[in-house]
Amino acid sequence: MRAVPTTDPRPSTDSRVLVIVPAWNEQASVGDTVHEIRSTNPGVDVLVVDDGSGDRTATVAAAAGASVVRLPFNLGVGGAMRTGYRHALRAGYDVAVQIDADGQHDPRYLDTLIAELDRVDICIGSRFARADDPYTVRGPRRWAMILLARVLSRLAGTTLTDVTSGFRVCNRRAMTVFAEHYPAEYLGDTVESLVIATRVGCRVGQVPVDMRRRAAGQPSASPLKAAVFLCRAVVALGLALVRRWPATFDEGLTDSGALQTDARAEAS
C-alpha cells in the first residue's frame, strides 16, 4: 500500500479550489465523503451535484457542509460534471477537482494532484501508475483499458495509465473546455474528455494514487455492464478522434451566454 502524503493538505498555491462531487443515490456515503474532503483540505470548497437522486443525497450532503446543485433528472456523471464545471467558472474558481461520492478516492492526495497543475492543465489520479499497485483489473476490461491508455498516451505525448479514472484536477483552461464540451456517456466521458482536451492543446499528466473500497451503496454499473461500457468507450474514442474540434479555446468563453444555462439546475 502506498503511503498517503502527510504534508500540509492545503493546496500548494493560493488558488481557489472547488471539489465537485457527482452523486446519484449516495445518501449512505456522501456525508462522510464531504466531511473527509473538508477536514483534510480546509481551504477548499465542496459542491455536490445531486444527479436526480431518489433518496436523501442532497439533504445529507448539505448537512455535511457542501453546497448542493440538484438536477431535476439523472444526466449521468458527464452531465453532472459539466454542471459543476460551469458553476466553477462562473464563481471564479482557479482549480476544479472531481471526486466520487462513494469514498473510493482519497482526498489526502489533493495537494499532490493540484501541485502538478504547475506543469499541466489536467492531472489524473492513476490506479495503475506503479507496477506494485494492489488495484487490479482482469479480462476484457483490462484489455480495453490498456488500449484506451495507449491511444491517449500517444495523443497526450506522455504516459497515461488510467484514463478512465474519475479522480482528477484541472485548471481554468481545461474547465473552459469541459464546461462547454464535457461528454455524457458513462466511462466514455472520462476518455472522450481527454481527447477533447488534448485536441485543443491542454496538457495532461498523472500521479499515482491508491483506490479504496466503496464505502457504501452499490456501483452504478455491474462488472459486466462496466465491461460493455468500456467497449463503448473504445468506440467513443474512435469517434472523438475523427471529430473536428476548435483549435483553441479562449477563457473569455466563460462570459458567454452558453455558460448561463446550467442544465435547469436548482441550487440549494
C-alpha atoms as a PDB file:
ATOM      1  CA  MET A   1       0.000   0.000   0.000  1.00  0.00           C
ATOM      2  CA  ARG A   2       1.393   3.370  -0.976  1.00  0.00           C
ATOM      3  CA  ALA A   3       1.887   5.855   1.828  1.00  0.00           C
ATOM      4  CA  VAL A   4      -0.573   8.740   1.674  1.00  0.00           C
ATOM      5  CA  PRO A   5       1.135  12.155   1.676  1.00  0.00           C
ATOM      6  CA  THR A   6       1.386  13.590   5.185  1.00  0.00           C
ATOM      7  CA  THR A   7       2.415  17.110   4.213  1.00  0.00           C
ATOM      8  CA  ASP A   8       0.186  20.159   4.559  1.00  0.00           C
ATOM      9  CA  PRO A   9      -3.070  19.063   2.856  1.00  0.00           C
ATOM     10  CA  ARG A  10      -3.935  22.563   1.676  1.00  0.00           C
ATOM     11  CA  PRO A  11      -3.362  23.481  -1.980  1.00  0.00           C
ATOM     12  CA  SER A  12       0.224  24.478  -2.665  1.00  0.00           C
ATOM     13  CA  THR A  13      -0.854  27.868  -4.026  1.00  0.00           C
ATOM     14  CA  ASP A  14      -3.412  30.490  -3.108  1.00  0.00           C
ATOM     15  CA  SER A  15      -5.712  29.278  -5.880  1.00  0.00           C
ATOM     16  CA  ARG A  16      -9.420  28.956  -5.191  1.00  0.00           C
ATOM     17  CA  VAL A  17     -10.276  25.267  -5.353  1.00  0.00           C
ATOM     18  CA  LEU A  18     -13.689  23.678  -5.862  1.00  0.00           C
ATOM     19  CA  VAL A  19     -14.171  19.951  -5.311  1.00  0.00           C
ATOM     20  CA  ILE A  20     -17.037  18.695  -7.483  1.00  0.00           C
ATOM     21  CA  VAL A  21     -18.745  15.524  -6.248  1.00  0.00           C
ATOM     22  CA  PRO A  22     -21.228  13.997  -8.725  1.00  0.00           C
ATOM     23  CA  ALA A  23     -23.691  11.884  -6.752  1.00  0.00           C
ATOM     24  CA  TRP A  24     -26.617   9.655  -7.626  1.00  0.00           C
ATOM     25  CA  ASN A  25     -28.421   7.895  -4.759  1.00  0.00           C
ATOM     26  CA  GLU A  26     -25.361   8.116  -2.489  1.00  0.00           C
ATOM     27  CA  GLN A  27     -27.025   9.104   0.798  1.00  0.00           C
ATOM     28  CA  ALA A  28     -25.132   6.356   2.664  1.00  0.00           C
ATOM     29  CA  SER A  29     -21.677   7.648   1.732  1.00  0.00           C
ATOM     30  CA  VAL A  30     -21.836  11.253   0.519  1.00  0.00           C
ATOM     31  CA  GLY A  31     -21.907  12.759   4.015  1.00  0.00           C
ATOM     32  CA  ASP A  32     -18.702  11.005   5.073  1.00  0.00           C
ATOM     33  CA  THR A  33     -17.079  11.904   1.758  1.00  0.00           C
ATOM     34  CA  VAL A  34     -17.856  15.602   2.212  1.00  0.00           C
ATOM     35  CA  HIS A  35     -16.675  15.529   5.841  1.00  0.00           C
ATOM     36  CA  GLU A  36     -13.371  13.914   4.834  1.00  0.00           C
ATOM     37  CA  ILE A  37     -12.744  16.368   1.995  1.00  0.00           C
ATOM     38  CA  ARG A  38     -13.364  19.345   4.262  1.00  0.00           C
ATOM     39  CA  SER A  39     -11.346  18.006   7.202  1.00  0.00           C
ATOM     40  CA  THR A  40      -8.282  17.062   5.151  1.00  0.00           C
ATOM     41  CA  ASN A  41      -8.436  20.106   2.861  1.00  0.00           C
ATOM     42  CA  PRO A  42      -9.836  23.015   4.909  1.00  0.00           C
ATOM     43  CA  GLY A  43      -9.053  25.590   2.228  1.00  0.00           C
ATOM     44  CA  VAL A  44     -11.281  24.112  -0.486  1.00  0.00           C
ATOM     45  CA  ASP A  45     -14.994  24.402  -1.211  1.00  0.00           C
ATOM     46  CA  VAL A  46     -17.187  21.384  -1.934  1.00  0.00           C
ATOM     47  CA  LEU A  47     -20.037  21.236  -4.450  1.00  0.00           C
ATOM     48  CA  VAL A  48     -22.199  18.117  -4.599  1.00  0.00           C
ATOM     49  CA  VAL A  49     -24.138  17.770  -7.851  1.00  0.00           C
ATOM     50  CA  ASP A  50     -27.159  15.632  -6.988  1.00  0.00           C
ATOM     51  CA  ASP A  51     -27.815  13.873 -10.272  1.00  0.00           C
ATOM     52  CA  GLY A  52     -31.564  13.306  -9.960  1.00  0.00           C
ATOM     53  CA  SER A  53     -31.309  11.104  -6.862  1.00  0.00           C
ATOM     54  CA  GLY A  54     -34.393   9.420  -5.461  1.00  0.00           C
ATOM     55  CA  ASP A  55     -33.018   9.381  -1.922  1.00  0.00           C
ATOM     56  CA  ARG A  56     -31.701  11.955   0.598  1.00  0.00           C
ATOM     57  CA  THR A  57     -28.360  12.552  -1.124  1.00  0.00           C
ATOM     58  CA  ALA A  58     -28.861  16.321  -1.383  1.00  0.00           C
ATOM     59  CA  THR A  59     -30.032  16.701   2.223  1.00  0.00           C
ATOM     60  CA  VAL A  60     -27.167  14.631   3.633  1.00  0.00           C
ATOM     61  CA  ALA A  61     -24.588  16.494   1.533  1.00  0.00           C
ATOM     62  CA  ALA A  62     -25.878  19.894   2.627  1.00  0.00           C
ATOM     63  CA  ALA A  63     -25.893  18.822   6.285  1.00  0.00           C
ATOM     64  CA  ALA A  64     -22.232  17.796   5.916  1.00  0.00           C
ATOM     65  CA  GLY A  65     -21.340  21.311   4.773  1.00  0.00           C
ATOM     66  CA  ALA A  66     -21.359  21.078   0.977  1.00  0.00           C
ATOM     67  CA  SER A  67     -23.048  23.413  -1.442  1.00  0.00           C
ATOM     68  CA  VAL A  68     -25.572  21.441  -3.478  1.00  0.00           C
ATOM     69  CA  VAL A  69     -26.884  21.696  -7.023  1.00  0.00           C
ATOM     70  CA  ARG A  70     -29.885  19.455  -7.690  1.00  0.00           C
ATOM     71  CA  LEU A  71     -30.557  18.248 -11.222  1.00  0.00           C
ATOM     72  CA  PRO A  72     -34.232  17.524 -11.999  1.00  0.00           C
ATOM     73  CA  PHE A  73     -33.416  14.156 -13.571  1.00  0.00           C
ATOM     74  CA  ASN A  74     -30.458  11.807 -13.942  1.00  0.00           C
ATOM     75  CA  LEU A  75     -27.961  13.041 -16.545  1.00  0.00           C
ATOM     76  CA  GLY A  76     -25.081  10.714 -15.684  1.00  0.00           C
ATOM     77  CA  VAL A  77     -21.633  11.620 -14.411  1.00  0.00           C
ATOM     78  CA  GLY A  78     -20.786  13.594 -17.535  1.00  0.00           C
ATOM     79  CA  GLY A  79     -23.843  15.829 -17.269  1.00  0.00           C
ATOM     80  CA  ALA A  80     -23.275  16.334 -13.553  1.00  0.00           C
ATOM     81  CA  MET A  81     -19.632  17.264 -14.107  1.00  0.00           C
ATOM     82  CA  ARG A  82     -20.466  19.725 -16.872  1.00  0.00           C
ATOM     83  CA  THR A  83     -22.842  21.408 -14.443  1.00  0.00           C
ATOM     84  CA  GLY A  84     -20.064  21.519 -11.853  1.00  0.00           C
ATOM     85  CA  TYR A  85     -17.525  22.987 -14.264  1.00  0.00           C
ATOM     86  CA  ARG A  86     -19.945  25.712 -15.316  1.00  0.00           C
ATOM     87  CA  HIS A  87     -20.557  26.582 -11.692  1.00  0.00           C
ATOM     88  CA  ALA A  88     -16.803  26.680 -11.013  1.00  0.00           C
ATOM     89  CA  LEU A  89     -16.156  29.036 -13.921  1.00  0.00           C
ATOM     90  CA  ARG A  90     -18.977  31.423 -13.051  1.00  0.00           C
ATOM     91  CA  ALA A  91     -17.885  31.532  -9.415  1.00  0.00           C
ATOM     92  CA  GLY A  92     -14.274  32.318 -10.349  1.00  0.00           C
ATOM     93  CA  TYR A  93     -12.515  29.166  -9.131  1.00  0.00           C
ATOM     94  CA  ASP A  94      -8.976  28.524 -10.366  1.00  0.00           C
ATOM     95  CA  VAL A  95      -8.963  24.754  -9.856  1.00  0.00           C
ATOM     96  CA  ALA A  96     -11.707  22.132 -10.156  1.00  0.00           C
ATOM     97  CA  VAL A  97     -11.382  18.661  -8.648  1.00  0.00           C
ATOM     98  CA  GLN A  98     -13.547  15.627  -9.415  1.00  0.00           C
ATOM     99  CA  ILE A  99     -14.051  13.145  -6.565  1.00  0.00           C
ATOM    100  CA  ASP A 100     -16.572  10.312  -6.468  1.00  0.00           C
ATOM    101  CA  ALA A 101     -19.205  10.325  -3.729  1.00  0.00           C
ATOM    102  CA  ASP A 102     -18.649   6.687  -2.757  1.00  0.00           C
ATOM    103  CA  GLY A 103     -15.440   7.211  -0.768  1.00  0.00           C
ATOM    104  CA  GLN A 104     -13.097   5.385  -3.163  1.00  0.00           C
ATOM    105  CA  HIS A 105     -10.998   8.484  -3.852  1.00  0.00           C
ATOM    106  CA  ASP A 106      -8.723   9.601  -1.010  1.00  0.00           C
ATOM    107  CA  PRO A 107      -8.863  13.417  -0.706  1.00  0.00           C
ATOM    108  CA  ARG A 108      -5.489  13.467   1.048  1.00  0.00           C
ATOM    109  CA  TYR A 109      -3.961  13.267  -2.438  1.00  0.00           C
ATOM    110  CA  LEU A 110      -5.444  16.611  -3.473  1.00  0.00           C
ATOM    111  CA  ASP A 111      -2.333  18.640  -2.703  1.00  0.00           C
ATOM    112  CA  THR A 112      -0.188  16.272  -4.763  1.00  0.00           C
ATOM    113  CA  LEU A 113      -2.592  16.406  -7.710  1.00  0.00           C
ATOM    114  CA  ILE A 114      -3.022  20.173  -7.584  1.00  0.00           C
ATOM    115  CA  ALA A 115       0.740  20.750  -7.421  1.00  0.00           C
ATOM    116  CA  GLU A 116       1.014  19.132 -10.861  1.00  0.00           C
ATOM    117  CA  LEU A 117      -1.030  21.982 -12.355  1.00  0.00           C
ATOM    118  CA  ASP A 118       2.198  23.984 -12.365  1.00  0.00           C
ATOM    119  CA  ARG A 119       3.149  21.957 -15.460  1.00  0.00           C
ATOM    120  CA  VAL A 120      -0.114  20.518 -16.869  1.00  0.00           C
ATOM    121  CA  ASP A 121      -3.742  21.576 -17.330  1.00  0.00           C
ATOM    122  CA  ILE A 122      -5.257  18.262 -16.183  1.00  0.00           C
ATOM    123  CA  CYS A 123      -3.821  15.781 -13.706  1.00  0.00           C
ATOM    124  CA  ILE A 124      -5.271  12.282 -13.268  1.00  0.00           C
ATOM    125  CA  GLY A 125      -5.044  10.209 -10.107  1.00  0.00           C
ATOM    126  CA  SER A 126      -3.923   6.870 -11.542  1.00  0.00           C
ATOM    127  CA  ARG A 127      -4.520   3.439 -10.016  1.00  0.00           C
ATOM    128  CA  PHE A 128      -2.003   1.807 -12.343  1.00  0.00           C
ATOM    129  CA  ALA A 129       0.953   4.202 -12.362  1.00  0.00           C
ATOM    130  CA  ARG A 130       3.119   1.794 -10.352  1.00  0.00           C
ATOM    131  CA  ALA A 131       3.832  -1.862 -11.021  1.00  0.00           C
ATOM    132  CA  ASP A 132       3.239  -2.794  -7.369  1.00  0.00           C
ATOM    133  CA  ASP A 133      -0.197  -1.185  -7.205  1.00  0.00           C
ATOM    134  CA  PRO A 134      -2.629  -3.595  -5.479  1.00  0.00           C
ATOM    135  CA  TYR A 135      -5.597  -2.486  -7.605  1.00  0.00           C
ATOM    136  CA  THR A 136      -6.044  -4.982 -10.433  1.00  0.00           C
ATOM    137  CA  VAL A 137      -8.447  -5.365 -13.349  1.00  0.00           C
ATOM    138  CA  ARG A 138      -8.528  -8.538 -15.449  1.00  0.00           C
ATOM    139  CA  GLY A 139     -10.059  -9.880 -18.634  1.00  0.00           C
ATOM    140  CA  PRO A 140     -11.747  -7.783 -21.344  1.00  0.00           C
ATOM    141  CA  ARG A 141     -11.992  -4.758 -19.055  1.00  0.00           C
ATOM    142  CA  ARG A 142      -8.223  -4.690 -18.622  1.00  0.00           C
ATOM    143  CA  TRP A 143      -7.573  -5.145 -22.348  1.00  0.00           C
ATOM    144  CA  ALA A 144      -9.915  -2.270 -23.184  1.00  0.00           C
ATOM    145  CA  MET A 145      -8.300  -0.050 -20.552  1.00  0.00           C
ATOM    146  CA  ILE A 146      -4.814  -0.811 -21.889  1.00  0.00           C
ATOM    147  CA  LEU A 147      -5.913   0.036 -25.437  1.00  0.00           C
ATOM    148  CA  LEU A 148      -7.520   3.289 -24.320  1.00  0.00           C
ATOM    149  CA  ALA A 149      -4.454   4.240 -22.281  1.00  0.00           C
ATOM    150  CA  ARG A 150      -2.059   3.592 -25.152  1.00  0.00           C
ATOM    151  CA  VAL A 151      -4.034   5.644 -27.647  1.00  0.00           C
ATOM    152  CA  LEU A 152      -4.496   8.547 -25.255  1.00  0.00           C
ATOM    153  CA  SER A 153      -0.843   8.414 -24.193  1.00  0.00           C
ATOM    154  CA  ARG A 154       0.102   8.932 -27.828  1.00  0.00           C
ATOM    155  CA  LEU A 155      -2.333  11.838 -28.137  1.00  0.00           C
ATOM    156  CA  ALA A 156      -1.151  13.467 -24.917  1.00  0.00           C
ATOM    157  CA  GLY A 157       2.532  12.906 -25.646  1.00  0.00           C
ATOM    158  CA  THR A 158       3.088  11.339 -22.228  1.00  0.00           C
ATOM    159  CA  THR A 159       2.432   8.067 -20.432  1.00  0.00           C
ATOM    160  CA  LEU A 160      -1.124   7.740 -19.102  1.00  0.00           C
ATOM    161  CA  THR A 161      -2.108   4.501 -17.379  1.00  0.00           C
ATOM    162  CA  ASP A 162      -5.623   5.130 -16.041  1.00  0.00           C
ATOM    163  CA  VAL A 163      -7.632   7.209 -18.489  1.00  0.00           C
ATOM    164  CA  THR A 164     -10.998   6.092 -17.060  1.00  0.00           C
ATOM    165  CA  SER A 165     -10.143   7.397 -13.589  1.00  0.00           C
ATOM    166  CA  GLY A 166     -12.703   9.823 -12.200  1.00  0.00           C
ATOM    167  CA  PHE A 167     -10.178  11.273  -9.735  1.00  0.00           C
ATOM    168  CA  ARG A 168      -8.706  14.302 -11.498  1.00  0.00           C
ATOM    169  CA  VAL A 169      -7.991  18.003 -11.197  1.00  0.00           C
ATOM    170  CA  CYS A 170      -7.909  20.741 -13.815  1.00  0.00           C
ATOM    171  CA  ASN A 171      -7.187  24.444 -14.182  1.00  0.00           C
ATOM    172  CA  ARG A 172      -9.352  27.173 -15.709  1.00  0.00           C
ATOM    173  CA  ARG A 173      -8.139  26.475 -19.214  1.00  0.00           C
ATOM    174  CA  ALA A 174      -9.432  22.904 -19.055  1.00  0.00           C
ATOM    175  CA  MET A 175     -12.548  23.982 -17.141  1.00  0.00           C
ATOM    176  CA  THR A 176     -13.459  26.296 -20.002  1.00  0.00           C
ATOM    177  CA  VAL A 177     -13.301  23.385 -22.435  1.00  0.00           C
ATOM    178  CA  PHE A 178     -15.220  20.995 -20.176  1.00  0.00           C
ATOM    179  CA  ALA A 179     -17.957  23.490 -19.319  1.00  0.00           C
ATOM    180  CA  GLU A 180     -18.924  23.536 -22.990  1.00  0.00           C
ATOM    181  CA  HIS A 181     -17.968  20.092 -24.244  1.00  0.00           C
ATOM    182  CA  TYR A 182     -17.796  17.549 -21.417  1.00  0.00           C
ATOM    183  CA  PRO A 183     -19.254  14.259 -22.764  1.00  0.00           C
ATOM    184  CA  ALA A 184     -22.132  12.480 -21.046  1.00  0.00           C
ATOM    185  CA  GLU A 185     -21.548   8.761 -21.728  1.00  0.00           C
ATOM    186  CA  TYR A 186     -20.534   6.660 -18.690  1.00  0.00           C
ATOM    187  CA  LEU A 187     -16.765   5.903 -18.837  1.00  0.00           C
ATOM    188  CA  GLY A 188     -16.805   7.422 -22.306  1.00  0.00           C
ATOM    189  CA  ASP A 189     -16.996  10.779 -20.542  1.00  0.00           C
ATOM    190  CA  THR A 190     -13.572  10.358 -18.924  1.00  0.00           C
ATOM    191  CA  VAL A 191     -11.990   9.068 -22.132  1.00  0.00           C
ATOM    192  CA  GLU A 192     -13.558  11.437 -24.655  1.00  0.00           C
ATOM    193  CA  SER A 193     -12.969  14.426 -22.371  1.00  0.00           C
ATOM    194  CA  LEU A 194      -9.226  13.727 -22.566  1.00  0.00           C
ATOM    195  CA  VAL A 195      -9.399  13.505 -26.365  1.00  0.00           C
ATOM    196  CA  ILE A 196     -11.189  16.842 -26.477  1.00  0.00           C
ATOM    197  CA  ALA A 197      -8.722  18.425 -24.064  1.00  0.00           C
ATOM    198  CA  THR A 198      -5.619  17.234 -25.907  1.00  0.00           C
ATOM    199  CA  ARG A 199      -7.068  18.212 -29.285  1.00  0.00           C
ATOM    200  CA  VAL A 200      -7.409  21.828 -28.130  1.00  0.00           C
ATOM    201  CA  GLY A 201      -3.925  21.921 -26.652  1.00  0.00           C
ATOM    202  CA  CYS A 202      -4.411  21.042 -22.985  1.00  0.00           C
ATOM    203  CA  ARG A 203      -1.519  19.239 -21.313  1.00  0.00           C
ATOM    204  CA  VAL A 204      -2.342  16.079 -19.350  1.00  0.00           C
ATOM    205  CA  GLY A 205      -0.367  14.325 -16.609  1.00  0.00           C
ATOM    206  CA  GLN A 206      -0.868  11.789 -13.845  1.00  0.00           C
ATOM    207  CA  VAL A 207       0.262  10.897 -10.335  1.00  0.00           C
ATOM    208  CA  PRO A 208      -0.061   7.504  -8.604  1.00  0.00           C
ATOM    209  CA  VAL A 209      -2.865   7.144  -6.045  1.00  0.00           C
ATOM    210  CA  ASP A 210      -4.405   4.292  -4.080  1.00  0.00           C
ATOM    211  CA  MET A 211      -8.033   3.391  -4.701  1.00  0.00           C
ATOM    212  CA  ARG A 212     -10.152   2.421  -1.709  1.00  0.00           C
ATOM    213  CA  ARG A 213     -13.167   0.158  -1.439  1.00  0.00           C
ATOM    214  CA  ARG A 214     -16.578   1.730  -1.946  1.00  0.00           C
ATOM    215  CA  ALA A 215     -17.759   2.990   1.453  1.00  0.00           C
ATOM    216  CA  ALA A 216     -21.436   2.091   0.959  1.00  0.00           C
ATOM    217  CA  GLY A 217     -24.137   1.517  -1.620  1.00  0.00           C
ATOM    218  CA  GLN A 218     -23.881  -0.201  -4.978  1.00  0.00           C
ATOM    219  CA  PRO A 219     -21.718   0.658  -8.003  1.00  0.00           C
ATOM    220  CA  SER A 220     -23.552   2.454 -10.795  1.00  0.00           C
ATOM    221  CA  ALA A 221     -22.682  -0.453 -13.106  1.00  0.00           C
ATOM    222  CA  SER A 222     -22.084  -4.174 -12.569  1.00  0.00           C
ATOM    223  CA  PRO A 223     -18.764  -5.707 -13.734  1.00  0.00           C
ATOM    224  CA  LEU A 224     -20.486  -6.992 -16.883  1.00  0.00           C
ATOM    225  CA  LYS A 225     -22.054  -3.621 -17.626  1.00  0.00           C
ATOM    226  CA  ALA A 226     -18.741  -1.916 -16.910  1.00  0.00           C
ATOM    227  CA  ALA A 227     -17.066  -4.177 -19.476  1.00  0.00           C
ATOM    228  CA  VAL A 228     -19.738  -3.286 -22.031  1.00  0.00           C
ATOM    229  CA  PHE A 229     -19.344   0.395 -21.241  1.00  0.00           C
ATOM    230  CA  LEU A 230     -15.580   0.105 -21.693  1.00  0.00           C
ATOM    231  CA  CYS A 231     -16.114  -1.383 -25.139  1.00  0.00           C
ATOM    232  CA  ARG A 232     -18.433   1.503 -25.908  1.00  0.00           C
ATOM    233  CA  ALA A 233     -15.740   3.843 -24.615  1.00  0.00           C
ATOM    234  CA  VAL A 234     -13.375   2.404 -27.224  1.00  0.00           C
ATOM    235  CA  VAL A 235     -15.961   3.236 -29.897  1.00  0.00           C
ATOM    236  CA  ALA A 236     -16.449   6.708 -28.396  1.00  0.00           C
ATOM    237  CA  LEU A 237     -12.692   7.189 -28.534  1.00  0.00           C
ATOM    238  CA  GLY A 238     -12.656   6.354 -32.229  1.00  0.00           C
ATOM    239  CA  LEU A 239     -15.463   8.808 -32.945  1.00  0.00           C
ATOM    240  CA  ALA A 240     -13.793  11.515 -30.871  1.00  0.00           C
ATOM    241  CA  LEU A 241     -10.566  11.044 -32.814  1.00  0.00           C
ATOM    242  CA  VAL A 242     -12.242  11.734 -36.161  1.00  0.00           C
ATOM    243  CA  ARG A 243     -14.466  14.550 -34.931  1.00  0.00           C
ATOM    244  CA  ARG A 244     -13.327  18.095 -35.684  1.00  0.00           C
ATOM    245  CA  TRP A 245     -12.674  20.326 -32.672  1.00  0.00           C
ATOM    246  CA  PRO A 246     -11.786  24.033 -32.450  1.00  0.00           C
ATOM    247  CA  ALA A 247      -8.024  24.590 -32.434  1.00  0.00           C
ATOM    248  CA  THR A 248      -8.108  26.506 -29.144  1.00  0.00           C
ATOM    249  CA  PHE A 249     -10.493  27.807 -26.517  1.00  0.00           C
ATOM    250  CA  ASP A 250     -10.478  31.308 -25.099  1.00  0.00           C
ATOM    251  CA  GLU A 251     -11.102  31.800 -21.377  1.00  0.00           C
ATOM    252  CA  GLY A 252     -13.398  34.647 -22.388  1.00  0.00           C
ATOM    253  CA  LEU A 253     -15.857  31.886 -23.225  1.00  0.00           C
ATOM    254  CA  THR A 254     -16.751  31.838 -19.554  1.00  0.00           C
ATOM    255  CA  ASP A 255     -18.704  35.036 -20.038  1.00  0.00           C
ATOM    256  CA  SER A 256     -20.734  33.719 -22.960  1.00  0.00           C
ATOM    257  CA  GLY A 257     -24.428  33.172 -22.833  1.00  0.00           C
ATOM    258  CA  ALA A 258     -23.915  29.456 -23.312  1.00  0.00           C
ATOM    259  CA  LEU A 259     -22.496  29.202 -19.829  1.00  0.00           C
ATOM    260  CA  GLN A 260     -25.514  30.825 -18.269  1.00  0.00           C
ATOM    261  CA  THR A 261     -27.792  27.836 -18.903  1.00  0.00           C
ATOM    262  CA  ASP A 262     -26.992  25.302 -16.214  1.00  0.00           C
ATOM    263  CA  ALA A 263     -28.996  22.218 -17.205  1.00  0.00           C
ATOM    264  CA  ARG A 264     -32.024  23.597 -15.328  1.00  0.00           C
ATOM    265  CA  ALA A 265     -30.127  23.002 -12.106  1.00  0.00           C
ATOM    266  CA  GLU A 266     -31.748  24.032  -8.866  1.00  0.00           C
ATOM    267  CA  ALA A 267     -29.249  25.391  -6.361  1.00  0.00           C
ATOM    268  CA  SER A 268     -29.890  24.812  -2.682  1.00  0.00           C
END
